[in-house]
C-alpha atoms as a PDB file:
ATOM      1  CA  UNK A   1       0.011   0.031   0.007  1.00  0.00           C
ATOM      2  CA  UNK A   2       1.335   3.514  -0.754  1.00  0.00           C
ATOM      3  CA  UNK A   3       1.765   6.208   1.868  1.00  0.00           C
ATOM      4  CA  UNK A   4      -1.418   8.037   2.473  1.00  0.00           C
ATOM      5  CA  UNK A   5      -0.162  11.218   0.721  1.00  0.00           C
ATOM      6  CA  UNK A   6       1.873   9.562  -2.076  1.00  0.00           C
ATOM      7  CA  UNK A   7      -0.763  10.427  -4.646  1.00  0.00           C
ATOM      8  CA  UNK A   8      -1.823  13.891  -3.318  1.00  0.00           C
ATOM      9  CA  UNK A   9      -1.672  16.560  -6.022  1.00  0.00           C
ATOM     10  CA  UNK A  10      -1.685  20.344  -5.340  1.00  0.00           C
ATOM     11  CA  UNK A  11      -3.188  22.703  -7.937  1.00  0.00           C
ATOM     12  CA  UNK A  12      -3.604  26.458  -7.945  1.00  0.00           C
ATOM     13  CA  UNK A  13      -6.641  27.171 -10.170  1.00  0.00           C
ATOM     14  CA  UNK A  14      -6.642  30.837  -9.084  1.00  0.00           C
ATOM     15  CA  UNK A  15      -3.891  32.927  -7.540  1.00  0.00           C
ATOM     16  CA  UNK A  16      -3.898  32.143  -3.836  1.00  0.00           C
ATOM     17  CA  UNK A  17      -6.559  29.422  -4.124  1.00  0.00           C
ATOM     18  CA  UNK A  18      -5.182  25.897  -3.783  1.00  0.00           C
ATOM     19  CA  UNK A  19      -6.851  22.552  -4.434  1.00  0.00           C
ATOM     20  CA  UNK A  20      -5.445  19.494  -2.612  1.00  0.00           C
ATOM     21  CA  UNK A  21      -6.659  16.689  -4.834  1.00  0.00           C
ATOM     22  CA  UNK A  22      -6.337  12.941  -4.285  1.00  0.00           C
ATOM     23  CA  UNK A  23      -7.879   9.811  -5.756  1.00  0.00           C
ATOM     24  CA  UNK A  24      -9.467   8.741  -9.044  1.00  0.00           C
ATOM     25  CA  UNK A  25      -6.500   6.419  -9.707  1.00  0.00           C
ATOM     26  CA  UNK A  26      -7.550   3.060 -11.023  1.00  0.00           C
ATOM     27  CA  UNK A  27      -6.234   0.139  -8.987  1.00  0.00           C
ATOM     28  CA  UNK A  28      -4.851   2.202  -6.176  1.00  0.00           C
ATOM     29  CA  UNK A  29      -6.113   1.951  -2.582  1.00  0.00           C
ATOM     30  CA  UNK A  30      -4.893   4.054   0.276  1.00  0.00           C
ATOM     31  CA  UNK A  31      -6.146   2.373   3.517  1.00  0.00           C
ATOM     32  CA  UNK A  32      -6.673  -1.347   3.008  1.00  0.00           C
ATOM     33  CA  UNK A  33      -7.926  -3.995   0.634  1.00  0.00           C
ATOM     34  CA  UNK A  34     -10.979  -4.436   2.939  1.00  0.00           C
ATOM     35  CA  UNK A  35     -13.957  -2.155   2.329  1.00  0.00           C
ATOM     36  CA  UNK A  36     -13.568   1.238   4.019  1.00  0.00           C
ATOM     37  CA  UNK A  37     -14.891   4.770   3.578  1.00  0.00           C
ATOM     38  CA  UNK A  38     -11.650   6.222   2.196  1.00  0.00           C
ATOM     39  CA  UNK A  39     -10.999   3.743  -0.581  1.00  0.00           C
ATOM     40  CA  UNK A  40     -14.588   2.883  -1.447  1.00  0.00           C
ATOM     41  CA  UNK A  41     -15.912   6.422  -1.272  1.00  0.00           C
ATOM     42  CA  UNK A  42     -13.818   9.559  -1.194  1.00  0.00           C
ATOM     43  CA  UNK A  43     -10.633   8.212  -2.869  1.00  0.00           C
ATOM     44  CA  UNK A  44     -12.366   6.215  -5.588  1.00  0.00           C
ATOM     45  CA  UNK A  45     -14.524   9.242  -6.541  1.00  0.00           C
ATOM     46  CA  UNK A  46     -11.682  11.762  -6.208  1.00  0.00           C
ATOM     47  CA  UNK A  47     -11.672  14.376  -3.511  1.00  0.00           C
ATOM     48  CA  UNK A  48     -10.261  17.887  -3.029  1.00  0.00           C
ATOM     49  CA  UNK A  49      -9.960  20.107  -0.067  1.00  0.00           C
ATOM     50  CA  UNK A  50      -9.159  23.769  -0.634  1.00  0.00           C
ATOM     51  CA  UNK A  51      -7.239  26.645   0.908  1.00  0.00           C
ATOM     52  CA  UNK A  52      -7.555  30.370   0.213  1.00  0.00           C
ATOM     53  CA  UNK A  53      -4.393  32.423   1.012  1.00  0.00           C
ATOM     54  CA  UNK A  54      -4.303  36.217   1.427  1.00  0.00           C
ATOM     55  CA  UNK A  55      -1.235  37.838   2.910  1.00  0.00           C
ATOM     56  CA  UNK A  56      -0.074  35.762   5.839  1.00  0.00           C
ATOM     57  CA  UNK A  57      -3.539  34.299   6.429  1.00  0.00           C
ATOM     58  CA  UNK A  58      -5.323  31.242   5.102  1.00  0.00           C
ATOM     59  CA  UNK A  59      -8.686  29.609   5.294  1.00  0.00           C
ATOM     60  CA  UNK A  60      -8.764  25.831   4.834  1.00  0.00           C
ATOM     61  CA  UNK A  61     -12.038  24.433   3.483  1.00  0.00           C
ATOM     62  CA  UNK A  62     -12.283  20.894   4.858  1.00  0.00           C
ATOM     63  CA  UNK A  63      -9.391  18.918   6.406  1.00  0.00           C
ATOM     64  CA  UNK A  64      -9.371  16.013   4.002  1.00  0.00           C
ATOM     65  CA  UNK A  65      -9.451  12.276   4.457  1.00  0.00           C
ATOM     66  CA  UNK A  66      -6.679  11.693   6.929  1.00  0.00           C
ATOM     67  CA  UNK A  67      -4.386  13.298   9.422  1.00  0.00           C
ATOM     68  CA  UNK A  68      -1.479  12.818   6.985  1.00  0.00           C
ATOM     69  CA  UNK A  69      -3.419  14.793   4.312  1.00  0.00           C
ATOM     70  CA  UNK A  70      -4.125  17.534   6.786  1.00  0.00           C
ATOM     71  CA  UNK A  71      -0.479  17.670   7.782  1.00  0.00           C
ATOM     72  CA  UNK A  72       0.513  18.017   4.116  1.00  0.00           C
ATOM     73  CA  UNK A  73      -1.968  20.882   3.672  1.00  0.00           C
ATOM     74  CA  UNK A  74      -0.683  22.673   6.755  1.00  0.00           C
ATOM     75  CA  UNK A  75       2.981  22.168   5.740  1.00  0.00           C
ATOM     76  CA  UNK A  76       2.268  23.561   2.282  1.00  0.00           C
ATOM     77  CA  UNK A  77       0.619  26.661   3.742  1.00  0.00           C
ATOM     78  CA  UNK A  78       3.437  27.224   6.224  1.00  0.00           C
ATOM     79  CA  UNK A  79       5.836  26.906   3.354  1.00  0.00           C
ATOM     80  CA  UNK A  80       4.032  29.754   1.628  1.00  0.00           C
ATOM     81  CA  UNK A  81       4.586  31.975   4.652  1.00  0.00           C
ATOM     82  CA  UNK A  82       1.128  31.595   6.157  1.00  0.00           C
ATOM     83  CA  UNK A  83       1.076  32.393   9.886  1.00  0.00           C
ATOM     84  CA  UNK A  84      -2.643  32.293  10.725  1.00  0.00           C
ATOM     85  CA  UNK A  85      -5.013  29.497   9.676  1.00  0.00           C
ATOM     86  CA  UNK A  86      -8.750  29.214  10.081  1.00  0.00           C
ATOM     87  CA  UNK A  87     -10.709  26.068   9.030  1.00  0.00           C
ATOM     88  CA  UNK A  88     -14.190  26.052   7.541  1.00  0.00           C
ATOM     89  CA  UNK A  89     -16.081  22.694   7.456  1.00  0.00           C
ATOM     90  CA  UNK A  90     -18.428  22.095   4.508  1.00  0.00           C
ATOM     91  CA  UNK A  91     -20.428  19.511   6.484  1.00  0.00           C
ATOM     92  CA  UNK A  92     -19.979  16.702   9.028  1.00  0.00           C
ATOM     93  CA  UNK A  93     -19.175  13.664   6.847  1.00  0.00           C
ATOM     94  CA  UNK A  94     -15.965  11.664   7.422  1.00  0.00           C
ATOM     95  CA  UNK A  95     -13.932  12.710   4.308  1.00  0.00           C
ATOM     96  CA  UNK A  96     -14.319  16.362   5.227  1.00  0.00           C
ATOM     97  CA  UNK A  97     -13.443  16.311   8.934  1.00  0.00           C
ATOM     98  CA  UNK A  98     -10.890  13.490   9.237  1.00  0.00           C
ATOM     99  CA  UNK A  99      -7.942  15.853   9.474  1.00  0.00           C
ATOM    100  CA  UNK A 100      -9.422  18.217  12.074  1.00  0.00           C
ATOM    101  CA  UNK A 101      -7.012  17.192  14.838  1.00  0.00           C
ATOM    102  CA  UNK A 102      -4.077  18.671  12.831  1.00  0.00           C
ATOM    103  CA  UNK A 103      -5.828  22.033  13.105  1.00  0.00           C
ATOM    104  CA  UNK A 104      -6.950  21.740  16.739  1.00  0.00           C
ATOM    105  CA  UNK A 105      -5.025  24.875  17.662  1.00  0.00           C
ATOM    106  CA  UNK A 106      -6.827  26.878  14.975  1.00  0.00           C
ATOM    107  CA  UNK A 107     -10.284  28.390  14.819  1.00  0.00           C
ATOM    108  CA  UNK A 108     -12.642  25.782  13.205  1.00  0.00           C
ATOM    109  CA  UNK A 109     -15.770  27.311  11.742  1.00  0.00           C
ATOM    110  CA  UNK A 110     -19.013  25.516  10.959  1.00  0.00           C
ATOM    111  CA  UNK A 111     -22.720  26.116  10.963  1.00  0.00           C
ATOM    112  CA  UNK A 112     -24.619  25.026  14.007  1.00  0.00           C
ATOM    113  CA  UNK A 113     -26.140  21.940  12.305  1.00  0.00           C
ATOM    114  CA  UNK A 114     -22.629  20.623  11.489  1.00  0.00           C
ATOM    115  CA  UNK A 115     -21.634  20.881  15.154  1.00  0.00           C
ATOM    116  CA  UNK A 116     -24.856  19.139  16.210  1.00  0.00           C
ATOM    117  CA  UNK A 117     -24.364  16.333  13.691  1.00  0.00           C
ATOM    118  CA  UNK A 118     -20.755  15.745  14.735  1.00  0.00           C
ATOM    119  CA  UNK A 119     -21.756  15.536  18.402  1.00  0.00           C
ATOM    120  CA  UNK A 120     -24.768  13.276  17.697  1.00  0.00           C
ATOM    121  CA  UNK A 121     -22.587  10.901  15.539  1.00  0.00           C
ATOM    122  CA  UNK A 122     -19.466  10.931  17.711  1.00  0.00           C
ATOM    123  CA  UNK A 123     -19.635   7.224  18.491  1.00  0.00           C
ATOM    124  CA  UNK A 124     -20.460   6.259  14.912  1.00  0.00           C
ATOM    125  CA  UNK A 125     -17.551   8.309  13.633  1.00  0.00           C
ATOM    126  CA  UNK A 126     -15.178   6.661  16.108  1.00  0.00           C
ATOM    127  CA  UNK A 127     -16.418   3.219  14.877  1.00  0.00           C
ATOM    128  CA  UNK A 128     -15.766   3.973  11.214  1.00  0.00           C
ATOM    129  CA  UNK A 129     -12.980   2.253   9.249  1.00  0.00           C
ATOM    130  CA  UNK A 130     -10.736   4.143   9.560  1.00  0.00           C
ATOM    131  CA  UNK A 131     -11.980   5.832  12.774  1.00  0.00           C
ATOM    132  CA  UNK A 132     -12.439   9.552  13.285  1.00  0.00           C
ATOM    133  CA  UNK A 133     -10.936   9.735  16.737  1.00  0.00           C
ATOM    134  CA  UNK A 134     -10.303  12.028  18.440  1.00  0.00           C
ATOM    135  CA  UNK A 135     -13.184  14.008  17.004  1.00  0.00           C
ATOM    136  CA  UNK A 136     -12.200  17.662  16.980  1.00  0.00           C
ATOM    137  CA  UNK A 137     -15.294  19.852  17.002  1.00  0.00           C
ATOM    138  CA  UNK A 138     -15.873  23.353  15.581  1.00  0.00           C
ATOM    139  CA  UNK A 139     -14.990  26.256  17.830  1.00  0.00           C
ATOM    140  CA  UNK A 140     -16.942  29.013  16.034  1.00  0.00           C
ATOM    141  CA  UNK A 141     -20.580  28.444  15.001  1.00  0.00           C
ATOM    142  CA  UNK A 142     -22.912  30.389  12.776  1.00  0.00           C
ATOM    143  CA  UNK A 143     -26.523  29.987  11.689  1.00  0.00           C
ATOM    144  CA  UNK A 144     -27.245  30.833   8.057  1.00  0.00           C
ATOM    145  CA  UNK A 145     -24.493  33.206   6.875  1.00  0.00           C
ATOM    146  CA  UNK A 146     -21.140  34.487   8.013  1.00  0.00           C
ATOM    147  CA  UNK A 147     -18.699  36.857   6.261  1.00  0.00           C
ATOM    148  CA  UNK A 148     -15.007  36.451   6.877  1.00  0.00           C
ATOM    149  CA  UNK A 149     -12.285  39.039   6.233  1.00  0.00           C
ATOM    150  CA  UNK A 150      -9.182  37.165   5.059  1.00  0.00           C
ATOM    151  CA  UNK A 151      -6.548  39.899   5.073  1.00  0.00           C
ATOM    152  CA  UNK A 152      -8.823  42.126   2.962  1.00  0.00           C
ATOM    153  CA  UNK A 153     -10.367  39.320   0.913  1.00  0.00           C
ATOM    154  CA  UNK A 154     -14.113  38.756   1.528  1.00  0.00           C
ATOM    155  CA  UNK A 155     -15.382  35.208   1.991  1.00  0.00           C
ATOM    156  CA  UNK A 156     -19.131  34.636   2.336  1.00  0.00           C
ATOM    157  CA  UNK A 157     -20.136  31.398   4.164  1.00  0.00           C
ATOM    158  CA  UNK A 158     -23.698  30.238   3.591  1.00  0.00           C
ATOM    159  CA  UNK A 159     -25.694  27.248   4.716  1.00  0.00           C
ATOM    160  CA  UNK A 160     -27.505  25.139   2.108  1.00  0.00           C
ATOM    161  CA  UNK A 161     -29.672  22.072   2.597  1.00  0.00           C
ATOM    162  CA  UNK A 162     -28.242  20.125  -0.324  1.00  0.00           C
ATOM    163  CA  UNK A 163     -26.738  16.619   0.056  1.00  0.00           C
ATOM    164  CA  UNK A 164     -26.967  17.194   3.841  1.00  0.00           C
ATOM    165  CA  UNK A 165     -28.901  19.699   5.889  1.00  0.00           C
ATOM    166  CA  UNK A 166     -25.721  21.217   7.296  1.00  0.00           C
ATOM    167  CA  UNK A 167     -23.969  22.112   4.002  1.00  0.00           C
ATOM    168  CA  UNK A 168     -21.731  25.216   4.056  1.00  0.00           C
ATOM    169  CA  UNK A 169     -20.479  26.773   0.824  1.00  0.00           C
ATOM    170  CA  UNK A 170     -17.981  29.625   0.426  1.00  0.00           C
ATOM    171  CA  UNK A 171     -18.519  32.384  -2.084  1.00  0.00           C
ATOM    172  CA  UNK A 172     -15.393  34.370  -3.015  1.00  0.00           C
ATOM    173  CA  UNK A 173     -16.776  37.468  -4.721  1.00  0.00           C
ATOM    174  CA  UNK A 174     -13.463  38.862  -5.863  1.00  0.00           C
ATOM    175  CA  UNK A 175     -12.728  35.678  -7.796  1.00  0.00           C
ATOM    176  CA  UNK A 176     -16.327  34.861  -8.814  1.00  0.00           C
ATOM    177  CA  UNK A 177     -15.733  31.377  -7.406  1.00  0.00           C
ATOM    178  CA  UNK A 178     -18.062  29.181  -5.390  1.00  0.00           C
ATOM    179  CA  UNK A 179     -16.461  26.464  -3.168  1.00  0.00           C
ATOM    180  CA  UNK A 180     -19.380  23.981  -3.136  1.00  0.00           C
ATOM    181  CA  UNK A 181     -18.374  21.154  -0.817  1.00  0.00           C
ATOM    182  CA  UNK A 182     -20.615  18.185  -1.534  1.00  0.00           C
ATOM    183  CA  UNK A 183     -23.678  20.215  -2.612  1.00  0.00           C
ATOM    184  CA  UNK A 184     -22.556  19.378  -6.150  1.00  0.00           C
ATOM    185  CA  UNK A 185     -20.530  16.533  -7.641  1.00  0.00           C
ATOM    186  CA  UNK A 186     -19.434  15.352 -11.038  1.00  0.00           C
ATOM    187  CA  UNK A 187     -20.822  12.908 -12.267  1.00  0.00           C
ATOM    188  CA  UNK A 188     -23.848  12.944  -9.850  1.00  0.00           C
ATOM    189  CA  UNK A 189     -24.759  13.963  -6.369  1.00  0.00           C
ATOM    190  CA  UNK A 190     -24.771  11.432  -3.580  1.00  0.00           C
ATOM    191  CA  UNK A 191     -28.209  11.215  -1.931  1.00  0.00           C
ATOM    192  CA  UNK A 192     -27.274  10.968   1.734  1.00  0.00           C
ATOM    193  CA  UNK A 193     -30.586  12.361   3.103  1.00  0.00           C
ATOM    194  CA  UNK A 194     -33.206  10.978   0.688  1.00  0.00           C
ATOM    195  CA  UNK A 195     -36.138  12.289   2.765  1.00  0.00           C
ATOM    196  CA  UNK A 196     -34.999  15.853   1.985  1.00  0.00           C
ATOM    197  CA  UNK A 197     -34.563  15.454  -1.770  1.00  0.00           C
ATOM    198  CA  UNK A 198     -37.325  17.866  -2.732  1.00  0.00           C
ATOM    199  CA  UNK A 199     -35.818  20.448  -0.357  1.00  0.00           C
ATOM    200  CA  UNK A 200     -32.422  19.817  -2.042  1.00  0.00           C
ATOM    201  CA  UNK A 201     -33.919  20.549  -5.455  1.00  0.00           C
ATOM    202  CA  UNK A 202     -35.438  23.839  -4.251  1.00  0.00           C
ATOM    203  CA  UNK A 203     -32.122  24.751  -2.615  1.00  0.00           C
ATOM    204  CA  UNK A 204     -30.290  24.212  -5.863  1.00  0.00           C
ATOM    205  CA  UNK A 205     -32.276  27.107  -7.339  1.00  0.00           C
ATOM    206  CA  UNK A 206     -31.163  29.306  -4.455  1.00  0.00           C
ATOM    207  CA  UNK A 207     -27.586  28.181  -5.026  1.00  0.00           C
ATOM    208  CA  UNK A 208     -27.790  29.007  -8.726  1.00  0.00           C
ATOM    209  CA  UNK A 209     -28.859  32.538  -7.874  1.00  0.00           C
ATOM    210  CA  UNK A 210     -25.501  33.413  -6.230  1.00  0.00           C
ATOM    211  CA  UNK A 211     -23.086  35.659  -8.195  1.00  0.00           C
ATOM    212  CA  UNK A 212     -20.300  33.346  -9.327  1.00  0.00           C
ATOM    213  CA  UNK A 213     -18.552  32.388 -12.587  1.00  0.00           C
ATOM    214  CA  UNK A 214     -17.074  29.024 -11.689  1.00  0.00           C
ATOM    215  CA  UNK A 215     -17.751  26.238  -9.175  1.00  0.00           C
ATOM    216  CA  UNK A 216     -15.137  24.142  -7.352  1.00  0.00           C
ATOM    217  CA  UNK A 217     -16.790  21.036  -5.818  1.00  0.00           C
ATOM    218  CA  UNK A 218     -14.955  18.673  -3.467  1.00  0.00           C
ATOM    219  CA  UNK A 219     -15.725  15.660  -5.689  1.00  0.00           C
ATOM    220  CA  UNK A 220     -15.149  16.286  -9.359  1.00  0.00           C
ATOM    221  CA  UNK A 221     -12.730  15.807 -12.252  1.00  0.00           C
ATOM    222  CA  UNK A 222      -9.207  16.786 -11.384  1.00  0.00           C
ATOM    223  CA  UNK A 223      -8.524  18.468 -14.754  1.00  0.00           C
ATOM    224  CA  UNK A 224     -11.648  20.613 -14.488  1.00  0.00           C
ATOM    225  CA  UNK A 225     -10.843  21.669 -10.928  1.00  0.00           C
ATOM    226  CA  UNK A 226      -7.263  22.451 -11.774  1.00  0.00           C
ATOM    227  CA  UNK A 227      -8.366  24.505 -14.827  1.00  0.00           C
ATOM    228  CA  UNK A 228     -10.678  26.704 -12.709  1.00  0.00           C
ATOM    229  CA  UNK A 229     -13.803  24.696 -12.102  1.00  0.00           C
ATOM    230  CA  UNK A 230     -17.277  24.079 -13.472  1.00  0.00           C
ATOM    231  CA  UNK A 231     -19.869  26.392 -14.942  1.00  0.00           C
ATOM    232  CA  UNK A 232     -23.287  26.977 -13.430  1.00  0.00           C
ATOM    233  CA  UNK A 233     -24.606  24.159 -15.602  1.00  0.00           C
ATOM    234  CA  UNK A 234     -23.277  21.722 -12.944  1.00  0.00           C
ATOM    235  CA  UNK A 235     -26.176  22.897 -10.769  1.00  0.00           C
ATOM    236  CA  UNK A 236     -28.586  22.353 -13.701  1.00  0.00           C
ATOM    237  CA  UNK A 237     -27.211  18.835 -14.192  1.00  0.00           C
ATOM    238  CA  UNK A 238     -27.621  18.025 -10.489  1.00  0.00           C
ATOM    239  CA  UNK A 239     -31.188  19.325 -10.429  1.00  0.00           C
ATOM    240  CA  UNK A 240     -32.098  17.396 -13.624  1.00  0.00           C
ATOM    241  CA  UNK A 241     -30.623  14.172 -12.157  1.00  0.00           C
ATOM    242  CA  UNK A 242     -32.613  14.426  -8.901  1.00  0.00           C
ATOM    243  CA  UNK A 243     -35.884  15.313 -10.707  1.00  0.00           C
ATOM    244  CA  UNK A 244     -35.392  12.450 -13.136  1.00  0.00           C
ATOM    245  CA  UNK A 245     -34.765  10.045 -10.292  1.00  0.00           C
ATOM    246  CA  UNK A 246     -37.939  11.038  -8.484  1.00  0.00           C
ATOM    247  CA  UNK A 247     -39.996  10.843 -11.628  1.00  0.00           C
ATOM    248  CA  UNK A 248     -38.735   7.350 -12.561  1.00  0.00           C
ATOM    249  CA  UNK A 249     -38.555   5.587  -9.158  1.00  0.00           C
ATOM    250  CA  UNK A 250     -41.401   3.238 -10.163  1.00  0.00           C
ATOM    251  CA  UNK A 251     -39.836   2.482 -13.520  1.00  0.00           C
ATOM    252  CA  UNK A 252     -38.130  -0.931 -13.302  1.00  0.00           C
ATOM    253  CA  UNK A 253     -36.026  -0.068 -16.344  1.00  0.00           C
ATOM    254  CA  UNK A 254     -33.822   2.149 -14.229  1.00  0.00           C
ATOM    255  CA  UNK A 255     -32.544  -0.874 -12.327  1.00  0.00           C
ATOM    256  CA  UNK A 256     -30.619  -2.043 -15.427  1.00  0.00           C
ATOM    257  CA  UNK A 257     -30.109   1.239 -17.243  1.00  0.00           C
ATOM    258  CA  UNK A 258     -26.495   2.408 -16.814  1.00  0.00           C
ATOM    259  CA  UNK A 259     -25.850   5.817 -15.301  1.00  0.00           C
ATOM    260  CA  UNK A 260     -24.153   6.875 -18.566  1.00  0.00           C
ATOM    261  CA  UNK A 261     -27.548   6.506 -20.286  1.00  0.00           C
ATOM    262  CA  UNK A 262     -29.528   7.970 -17.392  1.00  0.00           C
ATOM    263  CA  UNK A 263     -27.605  11.243 -17.502  1.00  0.00           C
ATOM    264  CA  UNK A 264     -26.823  11.175 -21.242  1.00  0.00           C
ATOM    265  CA  UNK A 265     -28.545  14.575 -21.955  1.00  0.00           C
ATOM    266  CA  UNK A 266     -26.273  16.359 -19.446  1.00  0.00           C
ATOM    267  CA  UNK A 267     -23.165  14.599 -20.638  1.00  0.00           C
ATOM    268  CA  UNK A 268     -23.927  15.494 -24.233  1.00  0.00           C
ATOM    269  CA  UNK A 269     -24.366  19.166 -23.286  1.00  0.00           C
ATOM    270  CA  UNK A 270     -20.965  19.133 -21.554  1.00  0.00           C
ATOM    271  CA  UNK A 271     -22.458  19.980 -18.159  1.00  0.00           C
ATOM    272  CA  UNK A 272     -20.853  16.923 -16.537  1.00  0.00           C
ATOM    273  CA  UNK A 273     -18.413  14.166 -17.438  1.00  0.00           C
ATOM    274  CA  UNK A 274     -18.865  10.435 -16.946  1.00  0.00           C
ATOM    275  CA  UNK A 275     -16.873   8.643 -14.242  1.00  0.00           C
ATOM    276  CA  UNK A 276     -17.668   4.953 -13.968  1.00  0.00           C
ATOM    277  CA  UNK A 277     -17.426   4.657 -10.093  1.00  0.00           C
ATOM    278  CA  UNK A 278     -20.512   6.784  -9.889  1.00  0.00           C
ATOM    279  CA  UNK A 279     -22.535   3.859 -11.280  1.00  0.00           C
ATOM    280  CA  UNK A 280     -22.491   2.414  -7.714  1.00  0.00           C
ATOM    281  CA  UNK A 281     -23.536   5.739  -6.257  1.00  0.00           C
ATOM    282  CA  UNK A 282     -26.417   5.804  -8.670  1.00  0.00           C
ATOM    283  CA  UNK A 283     -27.611   2.375  -7.545  1.00  0.00           C
ATOM    284  CA  UNK A 284     -27.361   3.451  -3.920  1.00  0.00           C
ATOM    285  CA  UNK A 285     -29.337   6.602  -4.703  1.00  0.00           C
ATOM    286  CA  UNK A 286     -32.155   4.659  -6.275  1.00  0.00           C
ATOM    287  CA  UNK A 287     -32.302   2.280  -3.312  1.00  0.00           C
ATOM    288  CA  UNK A 288     -32.295   5.128  -0.788  1.00  0.00           C
ATOM    289  CA  UNK A 289     -35.082   7.052  -2.496  1.00  0.00           C
ATOM    290  CA  UNK A 290     -37.225   3.962  -2.934  1.00  0.00           C
ATOM    291  CA  UNK A 291     -36.906   3.166   0.749  1.00  0.00           C
ATOM    292  CA  UNK A 292     -38.263   6.526   1.880  1.00  0.00           C
ATOM    293  CA  UNK A 293     -40.964   6.475  -0.834  1.00  0.00           C
ATOM    294  CA  UNK A 294     -42.585   3.322   0.632  1.00  0.00           C
END
């Protein structure tokens, strides 16, 4: 097995905005041959955490999939001359908080629902493979919106109920960039809270109304992220996918129809690409939605 950070790649899609990307490497596993949330989720789909640097200050958006990844992020920022680091959590899921302990001496910002979910799931997170223990909690909470001043650079943090009720995105007005966390993915969104899917669809419209030019999701194609991110059509593709799922839940044909065919219109328009590991995510989404529809 390789070292946990052997395949970590660092990109700078905008001056002072860094993407720490890992995964999407066929045949490579980081943690073990046995099923685990790193290899069979985040790493297989590809995952990026981000950092925004202004002057001697930085904001880290999610602490990645391991303590080693978090250490690599922090070392990179220190090497750039950063002296003050704040962390913003996009939501409470494992692959976004696993490196928190490396930033335990920093301010860790999250919306109140993220804090509540982390506390409520403390035992489950500790029982994961690999475990999230110790669980380092946020130290600064907000409700719906919070504006940060990063050495003169404005960052707008906003809560969205997409993918999970506690989603936090970061809008960087000066760059016209939206850091989207897991509210959006390429090829498709992961339906983690199926009972809220109609809310997620409505919230996608609210997300689309924000003033941005490009989107940087945590799970997406490395080349697109490195080149500056996705257009707003990624939101349209996500909404179309969820609406199509809901409309066809009773159609037995979707059980054998490949994802590549299911989202063919969006692929043909260039809104998303096709990445085969999302076939399994699609099957899980169908099962999750059917379960709550009973």
